[in-house]
């Protein structure tokens, strides 16, 4: 399991293990969230820049927003990727 889900809290090892077990007991839900985020990332990756896109004076801001969203989705997917290796 990715450490981001278990770190950053002032907890004992016992409390961390309890959280880990809680997450693993809900693995089907975690996997569903992973799949949803993956679909959203695919939509952004398949976004086509057309000539009309560049006619909009705000095209650079739109591109920056897309890149930012892709970065956030990629980080979230990396954190949740453990869910794909566990049988549901």
PDB file of N, CA and C in Angstrom:
ATOM      1  N   UNK A   1       0.850  -1.173   0.000  1.00  0.00           N
ATOM      2  CA  UNK A   1       0.000   0.000   0.000  1.00  0.00           C
ATOM      3  C   UNK A   1       0.892   1.232   0.000  1.00  0.00           C
ATOM      4  N   UNK A   2       0.507   2.213  -0.758  1.00  0.00           N
ATOM      5  CA  UNK A   2       1.285   3.441  -0.886  1.00  0.00           C
ATOM      6  C   UNK A   2       1.350   4.156   0.453  1.00  0.00           C
ATOM      7  N   UNK A   3       2.533   4.617   0.827  1.00  0.00           N
ATOM      8  CA  UNK A   3       2.733   5.237   2.131  1.00  0.00           C
ATOM      9  C   UNK A   3       1.962   6.524   2.333  1.00  0.00           C
ATOM     10  N   UNK A   4       1.561   7.214   1.254  1.00  0.00           N
ATOM     11  CA  UNK A   4       0.811   8.465   1.411  1.00  0.00           C
ATOM     12  C   UNK A   4      -0.500   8.248   2.157  1.00  0.00           C
ATOM     13  N   UNK A   5      -1.057   7.058   2.069  1.00  0.00           N
ATOM     14  CA  UNK A   5      -2.310   6.782   2.764  1.00  0.00           C
ATOM     15  C   UNK A   5      -2.099   6.529   4.243  1.00  0.00           C
ATOM     16  N   UNK A   6      -0.870   6.264   4.629  1.00  0.00           N
ATOM     17  CA  UNK A   6      -0.599   5.904   6.015  1.00  0.00           C
ATOM     18  C   UNK A   6       0.313   6.886   6.733  1.00  0.00           C
ATOM     19  N   UNK A   7       0.865   7.840   6.025  1.00  0.00           N
ATOM     20  CA  UNK A   7       1.813   8.754   6.654  1.00  0.00           C
ATOM     21  C   UNK A   7       1.180  10.117   6.910  1.00  0.00           C
ATOM     22  N   UNK A   8       1.863  10.931   7.683  1.00  0.00           N
ATOM     23  CA  UNK A   8       1.412  12.288   7.931  1.00  0.00           C
ATOM     24  C   UNK A   8       0.432  12.418   9.075  1.00  0.00           C
ATOM     25  N   UNK A   9       0.215  11.353   9.801  1.00  0.00           N
ATOM     26  CA  UNK A   9      -0.691  11.390  10.934  1.00  0.00           C
ATOM     27  C   UNK A   9       0.113  11.097  12.200  1.00  0.00           C
ATOM     28  N   UNK A  10      -0.278  11.688  13.280  1.00  0.00           N
ATOM     29  CA  UNK A  10       0.366  11.406  14.570  1.00  0.00           C
ATOM     30  C   UNK A  10      -0.337  10.210  15.194  1.00  0.00           C
ATOM     31  N   UNK A  11       0.036   9.043  14.725  1.00  0.00           N
ATOM     32  CA  UNK A  11      -0.618   7.820  15.164  1.00  0.00           C
ATOM     33  C   UNK A  11       0.410   6.805  15.614  1.00  0.00           C
ATOM     34  N   UNK A  12      -0.058   5.911  16.427  1.00  0.00           N
ATOM     35  CA  UNK A  12       0.783   4.785  16.815  1.00  0.00           C
ATOM     36  C   UNK A  12       0.784   3.777  15.670  1.00  0.00           C
ATOM     37  N   UNK A  13       1.666   2.833  15.729  1.00  0.00           N
ATOM     38  CA  UNK A  13       1.697   1.780  14.706  1.00  0.00           C
ATOM     39  C   UNK A  13       0.389   0.993  14.689  1.00  0.00           C
ATOM     40  N   UNK A  14      -0.198   0.819  15.854  1.00  0.00           N
ATOM     41  CA  UNK A  14      -1.474   0.103  15.948  1.00  0.00           C
ATOM     42  C   UNK A  14      -2.576   0.868  15.215  1.00  0.00           C
ATOM     43  N   UNK A  15      -2.610   2.187  15.361  1.00  0.00           N
ATOM     44  CA  UNK A  15      -3.615   2.998  14.677  1.00  0.00           C
ATOM     45  C   UNK A  15      -3.395   2.990  13.170  1.00  0.00           C
ATOM     46  N   UNK A  16      -2.120   3.026  12.744  1.00  0.00           N
ATOM     47  CA  UNK A  16      -1.826   2.942  11.310  1.00  0.00           C
ATOM     48  C   UNK A  16      -2.290   1.614  10.739  1.00  0.00           C
ATOM     49  N   UNK A  17      -2.064   0.537  11.480  1.00  0.00           N
ATOM     50  CA  UNK A  17      -2.478  -0.783  11.013  1.00  0.00           C
ATOM     51  C   UNK A  17      -3.999  -0.860  10.930  1.00  0.00           C
ATOM     52  N   UNK A  18      -4.688  -0.237  11.881  1.00  0.00           N
ATOM     53  CA  UNK A  18      -6.153  -0.223  11.850  1.00  0.00           C
ATOM     54  C   UNK A  18      -6.640   0.511  10.605  1.00  0.00           C
ATOM     55  N   UNK A  19      -6.022   1.648  10.264  1.00  0.00           N
ATOM     56  CA  UNK A  19      -6.407   2.381   9.063  1.00  0.00           C
ATOM     57  C   UNK A  19      -6.119   1.546   7.822  1.00  0.00           C
ATOM     58  N   UNK A  20      -4.971   0.879   7.795  1.00  0.00           N
ATOM     59  CA  UNK A  20      -4.607   0.033   6.667  1.00  0.00           C
ATOM     60  C   UNK A  20      -5.666  -1.058   6.468  1.00  0.00           C
ATOM     61  N   UNK A  21      -6.092  -1.685   7.556  1.00  0.00           N
ATOM     62  CA  UNK A  21      -7.106  -2.732   7.469  1.00  0.00           C
ATOM     63  C   UNK A  21      -8.451  -2.174   7.004  1.00  0.00           C
ATOM     64  N   UNK A  22      -8.784  -0.968   7.445  1.00  0.00           N
ATOM     65  CA  UNK A  22     -10.025  -0.331   7.011  1.00  0.00           C
ATOM     66  C   UNK A  22     -10.013  -0.104   5.506  1.00  0.00           C
ATOM     67  N   UNK A  23      -8.893   0.403   5.009  1.00  0.00           N
ATOM     68  CA  UNK A  23      -8.771   0.641   3.570  1.00  0.00           C
ATOM     69  C   UNK A  23      -8.863  -0.667   2.799  1.00  0.00           C
ATOM     70  N   UNK A  24      -8.155  -1.691   3.273  1.00  0.00           N
ATOM     71  CA  UNK A  24      -8.171  -2.975   2.576  1.00  0.00           C
ATOM     72  C   UNK A  24      -9.541  -3.644   2.631  1.00  0.00           C
ATOM     73  N   UNK A  25     -10.308  -3.382   3.683  1.00  0.00           N
ATOM     74  CA  UNK A  25     -11.639  -3.987   3.767  1.00  0.00           C
ATOM     75  C   UNK A  25     -12.608  -3.337   2.793  1.00  0.00           C
ATOM     76  N   UNK A  26     -12.254  -2.171   2.288  1.00  0.00           N
ATOM     77  CA  UNK A  26     -13.093  -1.457   1.317  1.00  0.00           C
ATOM     78  C   UNK A  26     -12.437  -1.424  -0.059  1.00  0.00           C
ATOM     79  N   UNK A  27     -11.716  -2.464  -0.388  1.00  0.00           N
ATOM     80  CA  UNK A  27     -10.905  -2.466  -1.607  1.00  0.00           C
ATOM     81  C   UNK A  27     -11.755  -2.331  -2.867  1.00  0.00           C
ATOM     82  N   UNK A  28     -12.970  -2.851  -2.874  1.00  0.00           N
ATOM     83  CA  UNK A  28     -13.821  -2.720  -4.063  1.00  0.00           C
ATOM     84  C   UNK A  28     -14.145  -1.246  -4.316  1.00  0.00           C
ATOM     85  N   UNK A  29     -14.405  -0.504  -3.268  1.00  0.00           N
ATOM     86  CA  UNK A  29     -14.672   0.925  -3.407  1.00  0.00           C
ATOM     87  C   UNK A  29     -13.446   1.683  -3.861  1.00  0.00           C
ATOM     88  N   UNK A  30     -12.293   1.325  -3.319  1.00  0.00           N
ATOM     89  CA  UNK A  30     -11.039   1.967  -3.719  1.00  0.00           C
ATOM     90  C   UNK A  30     -10.766   1.686  -5.193  1.00  0.00           C
ATOM     91  N   UNK A  31     -10.993   0.461  -5.614  1.00  0.00           N
ATOM     92  CA  UNK A  31     -10.778   0.096  -7.020  1.00  0.00           C
ATOM     93  C   UNK A  31     -11.737   0.855  -7.941  1.00  0.00           C
ATOM     94  N   UNK A  32     -12.972   1.074  -7.485  1.00  0.00           N
ATOM     95  CA  UNK A  32     -13.934   1.832  -8.292  1.00  0.00           C
ATOM     96  C   UNK A  32     -13.488   3.281  -8.444  1.00  0.00           C
ATOM     97  N   UNK A  33     -12.977   3.865  -7.375  1.00  0.00           N
ATOM     98  CA  UNK A  33     -12.454   5.234  -7.444  1.00  0.00           C
ATOM     99  C   UNK A  33     -11.256   5.284  -8.383  1.00  0.00           C
ATOM    100  N   UNK A  34     -10.376   4.283  -8.296  1.00  0.00           N
ATOM    101  CA  UNK A  34      -9.210   4.206  -9.174  1.00  0.00           C
ATOM    102  C   UNK A  34      -9.659   4.189 -10.638  1.00  0.00           C
ATOM    103  N   UNK A  35     -10.639   3.358 -10.950  1.00  0.00           N
ATOM    104  CA  UNK A  35     -11.122   3.253 -12.332  1.00  0.00           C
ATOM    105  C   UNK A  35     -11.715   4.574 -12.816  1.00  0.00           C
ATOM    106  N   UNK A  36     -12.473   5.240 -11.943  1.00  0.00           N
ATOM    107  CA  UNK A  36     -13.050   6.530 -12.301  1.00  0.00           C
ATOM    108  C   UNK A  36     -11.950   7.558 -12.598  1.00  0.00           C
ATOM    109  N   UNK A  37     -10.966   7.631 -11.730  1.00  0.00           N
ATOM    110  CA  UNK A  37      -9.871   8.587 -11.941  1.00  0.00           C
ATOM    111  C   UNK A  37      -9.106   8.267 -13.218  1.00  0.00           C
ATOM    112  N   UNK A  38      -8.937   6.989 -13.518  1.00  0.00           N
ATOM    113  CA  UNK A  38      -8.247   6.588 -14.739  1.00  0.00           C
ATOM    114  C   UNK A  38      -9.020   7.038 -15.972  1.00  0.00           C
ATOM    115  N   UNK A  39     -10.346   6.902 -15.936  1.00  0.00           N
ATOM    116  CA  UNK A  39     -11.177   7.360 -17.063  1.00  0.00           C
ATOM    117  C   UNK A  39     -11.050   8.874 -17.241  1.00  0.00           C
ATOM    118  N   UNK A  40     -11.037   9.610 -16.142  1.00  0.00           N
ATOM    119  CA  UNK A  40     -10.904  11.064 -16.223  1.00  0.00           C
ATOM    120  C   UNK A  40      -9.550  11.457 -16.818  1.00  0.00           C
ATOM    121  N   UNK A  41      -8.501  10.750 -16.423  1.00  0.00           N
ATOM    122  CA  UNK A  41      -7.174  11.010 -16.976  1.00  0.00           C
ATOM    123  C   UNK A  41      -7.150  10.701 -18.469  1.00  0.00           C
ATOM    124  N   UNK A  42      -7.790   9.612 -18.866  1.00  0.00           N
ATOM    125  CA  UNK A  42      -7.837   9.267 -20.295  1.00  0.00           C
ATOM    126  C   UNK A  42      -8.545  10.346 -21.105  1.00  0.00           C
ATOM    127  N   UNK A  43      -9.610  10.912 -20.549  1.00  0.00           N
ATOM    128  CA  UNK A  43     -10.321  11.992 -21.237  1.00  0.00           C
ATOM    129  C   UNK A  43      -9.376  13.171 -21.467  1.00  0.00           C
ATOM    130  N   UNK A  44      -8.628  13.545 -20.438  1.00  0.00           N
ATOM    131  CA  UNK A  44      -7.707  14.675 -20.565  1.00  0.00           C
ATOM    132  C   UNK A  44      -6.570  14.371 -21.546  1.00  0.00           C
ATOM    133  N   UNK A  45      -6.082  13.139 -21.526  1.00  0.00           N
ATOM    134  CA  UNK A  45      -4.989  12.773 -22.423  1.00  0.00           C
ATOM    135  C   UNK A  45      -5.444  12.735 -23.881  1.00  0.00           C
ATOM    136  N   UNK A  46      -6.721  12.481 -24.094  1.00  0.00           N
ATOM    137  CA  UNK A  46      -7.239  12.414 -25.454  1.00  0.00           C
ATOM    138  C   UNK A  46      -7.781  13.751 -25.944  1.00  0.00           C
ATOM    139  N   UNK A  47      -7.693  14.772 -25.126  1.00  0.00           N
ATOM    140  CA  UNK A  47      -8.159  16.101 -25.491  1.00  0.00           C
ATOM    141  C   UNK A  47      -7.320  16.602 -26.661  1.00  0.00           C
ATOM    142  N   UNK A  48      -7.981  16.999 -27.720  1.00  0.00           N
ATOM    143  CA  UNK A  48      -7.266  17.455 -28.913  1.00  0.00           C
ATOM    144  C   UNK A  48      -7.223  18.969 -28.967  1.00  0.00           C
ATOM    145  N   UNK A  49      -6.050  19.477 -29.232  1.00  0.00           N
ATOM    146  CA  UNK A  49      -5.909  20.905 -29.477  1.00  0.00           C
ATOM    147  C   UNK A  49      -6.141  21.136 -30.953  1.00  0.00           C
ATOM    148  N   UNK A  50      -7.195  21.839 -31.260  1.00  0.00           N
ATOM    149  CA  UNK A  50      -7.513  22.131 -32.651  1.00  0.00           C
ATOM    150  C   UNK A  50      -7.147  23.580 -32.951  1.00  0.00           C
ATOM    151  N   UNK A  51      -7.245  23.941 -34.210  1.00  0.00           N
ATOM    152  CA  UNK A  51      -6.945  25.323 -34.592  1.00  0.00           C
ATOM    153  C   UNK A  51      -7.886  26.290 -33.881  1.00  0.00           C
ATOM    154  N   UNK A  52      -9.143  25.861 -33.696  1.00  0.00           N
ATOM    155  CA  UNK A  52     -10.102  26.720 -32.997  1.00  0.00           C
ATOM    156  C   UNK A  52      -9.677  26.966 -31.551  1.00  0.00           C
ATOM    157  N   UNK A  53      -9.008  25.982 -30.962  1.00  0.00           N
ATOM    158  CA  UNK A  53      -8.527  26.142 -29.592  1.00  0.00           C
ATOM    159  C   UNK A  53      -7.576  27.319 -29.497  1.00  0.00           C
ATOM    160  N   UNK A  54      -6.693  27.438 -30.473  1.00  0.00           N
ATOM    161  CA  UNK A  54      -5.684  28.501 -30.439  1.00  0.00           C
ATOM    162  C   UNK A  54      -6.256  29.871 -30.800  1.00  0.00           C
ATOM    163  N   UNK A  55      -7.453  29.902 -31.393  1.00  0.00           N
ATOM    164  CA  UNK A  55      -8.111  31.170 -31.684  1.00  0.00           C
ATOM    165  C   UNK A  55      -8.684  31.810 -30.426  1.00  0.00           C
ATOM    166  N   UNK A  56      -8.829  31.029 -29.378  1.00  0.00           N
ATOM    167  CA  UNK A  56      -9.309  31.542 -28.098  1.00  0.00           C
ATOM    168  C   UNK A  56      -8.123  32.179 -27.372  1.00  0.00           C
ATOM    169  N   UNK A  57      -8.231  33.444 -26.960  1.00  0.00           N
ATOM    170  CA  UNK A  57      -7.106  34.099 -26.303  1.00  0.00           C
ATOM    171  C   UNK A  57      -6.723  33.450 -24.965  1.00  0.00           C
ATOM    172  N   UNK A  58      -7.594  32.647 -24.414  1.00  0.00           N
ATOM    173  CA  UNK A  58      -7.301  31.985 -23.135  1.00  0.00           C
ATOM    174  C   UNK A  58      -6.787  30.559 -23.315  1.00  0.00           C
ATOM    175  N   UNK A  59      -6.339  30.191 -24.499  1.00  0.00           N
ATOM    176  CA  UNK A  59      -5.952  28.805 -24.751  1.00  0.00           C
ATOM    177  C   UNK A  59      -4.817  28.363 -23.841  1.00  0.00           C
ATOM    178  N   UNK A  60      -3.881  29.251 -23.532  1.00  0.00           N
ATOM    179  CA  UNK A  60      -2.745  28.872 -22.676  1.00  0.00           C
ATOM    180  C   UNK A  60      -3.213  28.557 -21.257  1.00  0.00           C
ATOM    181  N   UNK A  61      -4.180  29.313 -20.760  1.00  0.00           N
ATOM    182  CA  UNK A  61      -4.714  29.044 -19.431  1.00  0.00           C
ATOM    183  C   UNK A  61      -5.444  27.701 -19.405  1.00  0.00           C
ATOM    184  N   UNK A  62      -6.171  27.418 -20.466  1.00  0.00           N
ATOM    185  CA  UNK A  62      -6.869  26.144 -20.561  1.00  0.00           C
ATOM    186  C   UNK A  62      -5.868  24.985 -20.595  1.00  0.00           C
ATOM    187  N   UNK A  63      -4.813  25.148 -21.350  1.00  0.00           N
ATOM    188  CA  UNK A  63      -3.791  24.102 -21.425  1.00  0.00           C
ATOM    189  C   UNK A  63      -3.117  23.906 -20.064  1.00  0.00           C
ATOM    190  N   UNK A  64      -2.846  25.001 -19.371  1.00  0.00           N
ATOM    191  CA  UNK A  64      -2.233  24.906 -18.042  1.00  0.00           C
ATOM    192  C   UNK A  64      -3.166  24.182 -17.073  1.00  0.00           C
ATOM    193  N   UNK A  65      -4.461  24.462 -17.162  1.00  0.00           N
ATOM    194  CA  UNK A  65      -5.441  23.786 -16.310  1.00  0.00           C
ATOM    195  C   UNK A  65      -5.456  22.285 -16.579  1.00  0.00           C
ATOM    196  N   UNK A  66      -5.425  21.930 -17.846  1.00  0.00           N
ATOM    197  CA  UNK A  66      -5.425  20.510 -18.215  1.00  0.00           C
ATOM    198  C   UNK A  66      -4.169  19.821 -17.682  1.00  0.00           C
ATOM    199  N   UNK A  67      -3.031  20.452 -17.841  1.00  0.00           N
ATOM    200  CA  UNK A  67      -1.782  19.860 -17.333  1.00  0.00           C
ATOM    201  C   UNK A  67      -1.829  19.699 -15.816  1.00  0.00           C
ATOM    202  N   UNK A  68      -2.385  20.688 -15.123  1.00  0.00           N
ATOM    203  CA  UNK A  68      -2.512  20.599 -13.672  1.00  0.00           C
ATOM    204  C   UNK A  68      -3.439  19.471 -13.245  1.00  0.00           C
ATOM    205  N   UNK A  69      -4.546  19.339 -13.933  1.00  0.00           N
ATOM    206  CA  UNK A  69      -5.482  18.260 -13.620  1.00  0.00           C
ATOM    207  C   UNK A  69      -4.838  16.897 -13.860  1.00  0.00           C
ATOM    208  N   UNK A  70      -4.106  16.772 -14.953  1.00  0.00           N
ATOM    209  CA  UNK A  70      -3.430  15.504 -15.246  1.00  0.00           C
ATOM    210  C   UNK A  70      -2.415  15.164 -14.154  1.00  0.00           C
ATOM    211  N   UNK A  71      -1.726  16.182 -13.664  1.00  0.00           N
ATOM    212  CA  UNK A  71      -0.730  15.956 -12.605  1.00  0.00           C
ATOM    213  C   UNK A  71      -1.400  15.448 -11.333  1.00  0.00           C
ATOM    214  N   UNK A  72      -2.503  16.062 -10.944  1.00  0.00           N
ATOM    215  CA  UNK A  72      -3.222  15.649  -9.734  1.00  0.00           C
ATOM    216  C   UNK A  72      -3.774  14.233  -9.897  1.00  0.00           C
ATOM    217  N   UNK A  73      -4.382  13.949 -11.043  1.00  0.00           N
ATOM    218  CA  UNK A  73      -4.940  12.620 -11.281  1.00  0.00           C
ATOM    219  C   UNK A  73      -3.849  11.552 -11.270  1.00  0.00           C
ATOM    220  N   UNK A  74      -2.714  11.852 -11.874  1.00  0.00           N
ATOM    221  CA  UNK A  74      -1.610  10.892 -11.902  1.00  0.00           C
ATOM    222  C   UNK A  74      -1.113  10.586 -10.499  1.00  0.00           C
ATOM    223  N   UNK A  75      -1.003  11.611  -9.664  1.00  0.00           N
ATOM    224  CA  UNK A  75      -0.553  11.398  -8.281  1.00  0.00           C
ATOM    225  C   UNK A  75      -1.576  10.568  -7.504  1.00  0.00           C
ATOM    226  N   UNK A  76      -2.856  10.879  -7.669  1.00  0.00           N
ATOM    227  CA  UNK A  76      -3.894  10.108  -6.977  1.00  0.00           C
ATOM    228  C   UNK A  76      -3.885   8.652  -7.432  1.00  0.00           C
ATOM    229  N   UNK A  77      -3.732   8.430  -8.727  1.00  0.00           N
ATOM    230  CA  UNK A  77      -3.690   7.058  -9.243  1.00  0.00           C
ATOM    231  C   UNK A  77      -2.486   6.299  -8.701  1.00  0.00           C
ATOM    232  N   UNK A  78      -1.367   6.977  -8.588  1.00  0.00           N
ATOM    233  CA  UNK A  78      -0.176   6.320  -8.039  1.00  0.00           C
ATOM    234  C   UNK A  78      -0.425   5.899  -6.593  1.00  0.00           C
ATOM    235  N   UNK A  79      -1.124   6.746  -5.848  1.00  0.00           N
ATOM    236  CA  UNK A  79      -1.426   6.432  -4.453  1.00  0.00           C
ATOM    237  C   UNK A  79      -2.379   5.247  -4.346  1.00  0.00           C
ATOM    238  N   UNK A  80      -3.313   5.135  -5.271  1.00  0.00           N
ATOM    239  CA  UNK A  80      -4.336   4.090  -5.199  1.00  0.00           C
ATOM    240  C   UNK A  80      -4.020   2.855  -6.034  1.00  0.00           C
ATOM    241  N   UNK A  81      -2.882   2.825  -6.694  1.00  0.00           N
ATOM    242  CA  UNK A  81      -2.609   1.709  -7.613  1.00  0.00           C
ATOM    243  C   UNK A  81      -2.518   0.361  -6.916  1.00  0.00           C
ATOM    244  N   UNK A  82      -2.288   0.357  -5.613  1.00  0.00           N
ATOM    245  CA  UNK A  82      -2.240  -0.914  -4.889  1.00  0.00           C
ATOM    246  C   UNK A  82      -3.556  -1.673  -5.030  1.00  0.00           C
ATOM    247  N   UNK A  83      -4.661  -0.949  -5.220  1.00  0.00           N
ATOM    248  CA  UNK A  83      -5.978  -1.583  -5.292  1.00  0.00           C
ATOM    249  C   UNK A  83      -6.118  -2.494  -6.508  1.00  0.00           C
ATOM    250  N   UNK A  84      -5.328  -2.286  -7.535  1.00  0.00           N
ATOM    251  CA  UNK A  84      -5.436  -3.101  -8.729  1.00  0.00           C
ATOM    252  C   UNK A  84      -4.771  -4.462  -8.553  1.00  0.00           C
ATOM    253  N   UNK A  85      -3.882  -4.576  -7.572  1.00  0.00           N
ATOM    254  CA  UNK A  85      -3.188  -5.840  -7.376  1.00  0.00           C
ATOM    255  C   UNK A  85      -3.803  -6.751  -6.334  1.00  0.00           C
ATOM    256  N   UNK A  86      -4.931  -6.338  -5.767  1.00  0.00           N
ATOM    257  CA  UNK A  86      -5.580  -7.115  -4.723  1.00  0.00           C
ATOM    258  C   UNK A  86      -6.891  -7.664  -5.250  1.00  0.00           C
ATOM    259  N   UNK A  87      -7.112  -8.952  -5.073  1.00  0.00           N
ATOM    260  CA  UNK A  87      -8.364  -9.561  -5.538  1.00  0.00           C
ATOM    261  C   UNK A  87      -9.520  -8.999  -4.741  1.00  0.00           C
ATOM    262  N   UNK A  88     -10.608  -8.754  -5.457  1.00  0.00           N
ATOM    263  CA  UNK A  88     -11.787  -8.182  -4.805  1.00  0.00           C
ATOM    264  C   UNK A  88     -12.777  -9.272  -4.473  1.00  0.00           C
TER     265      UNK A  88
END
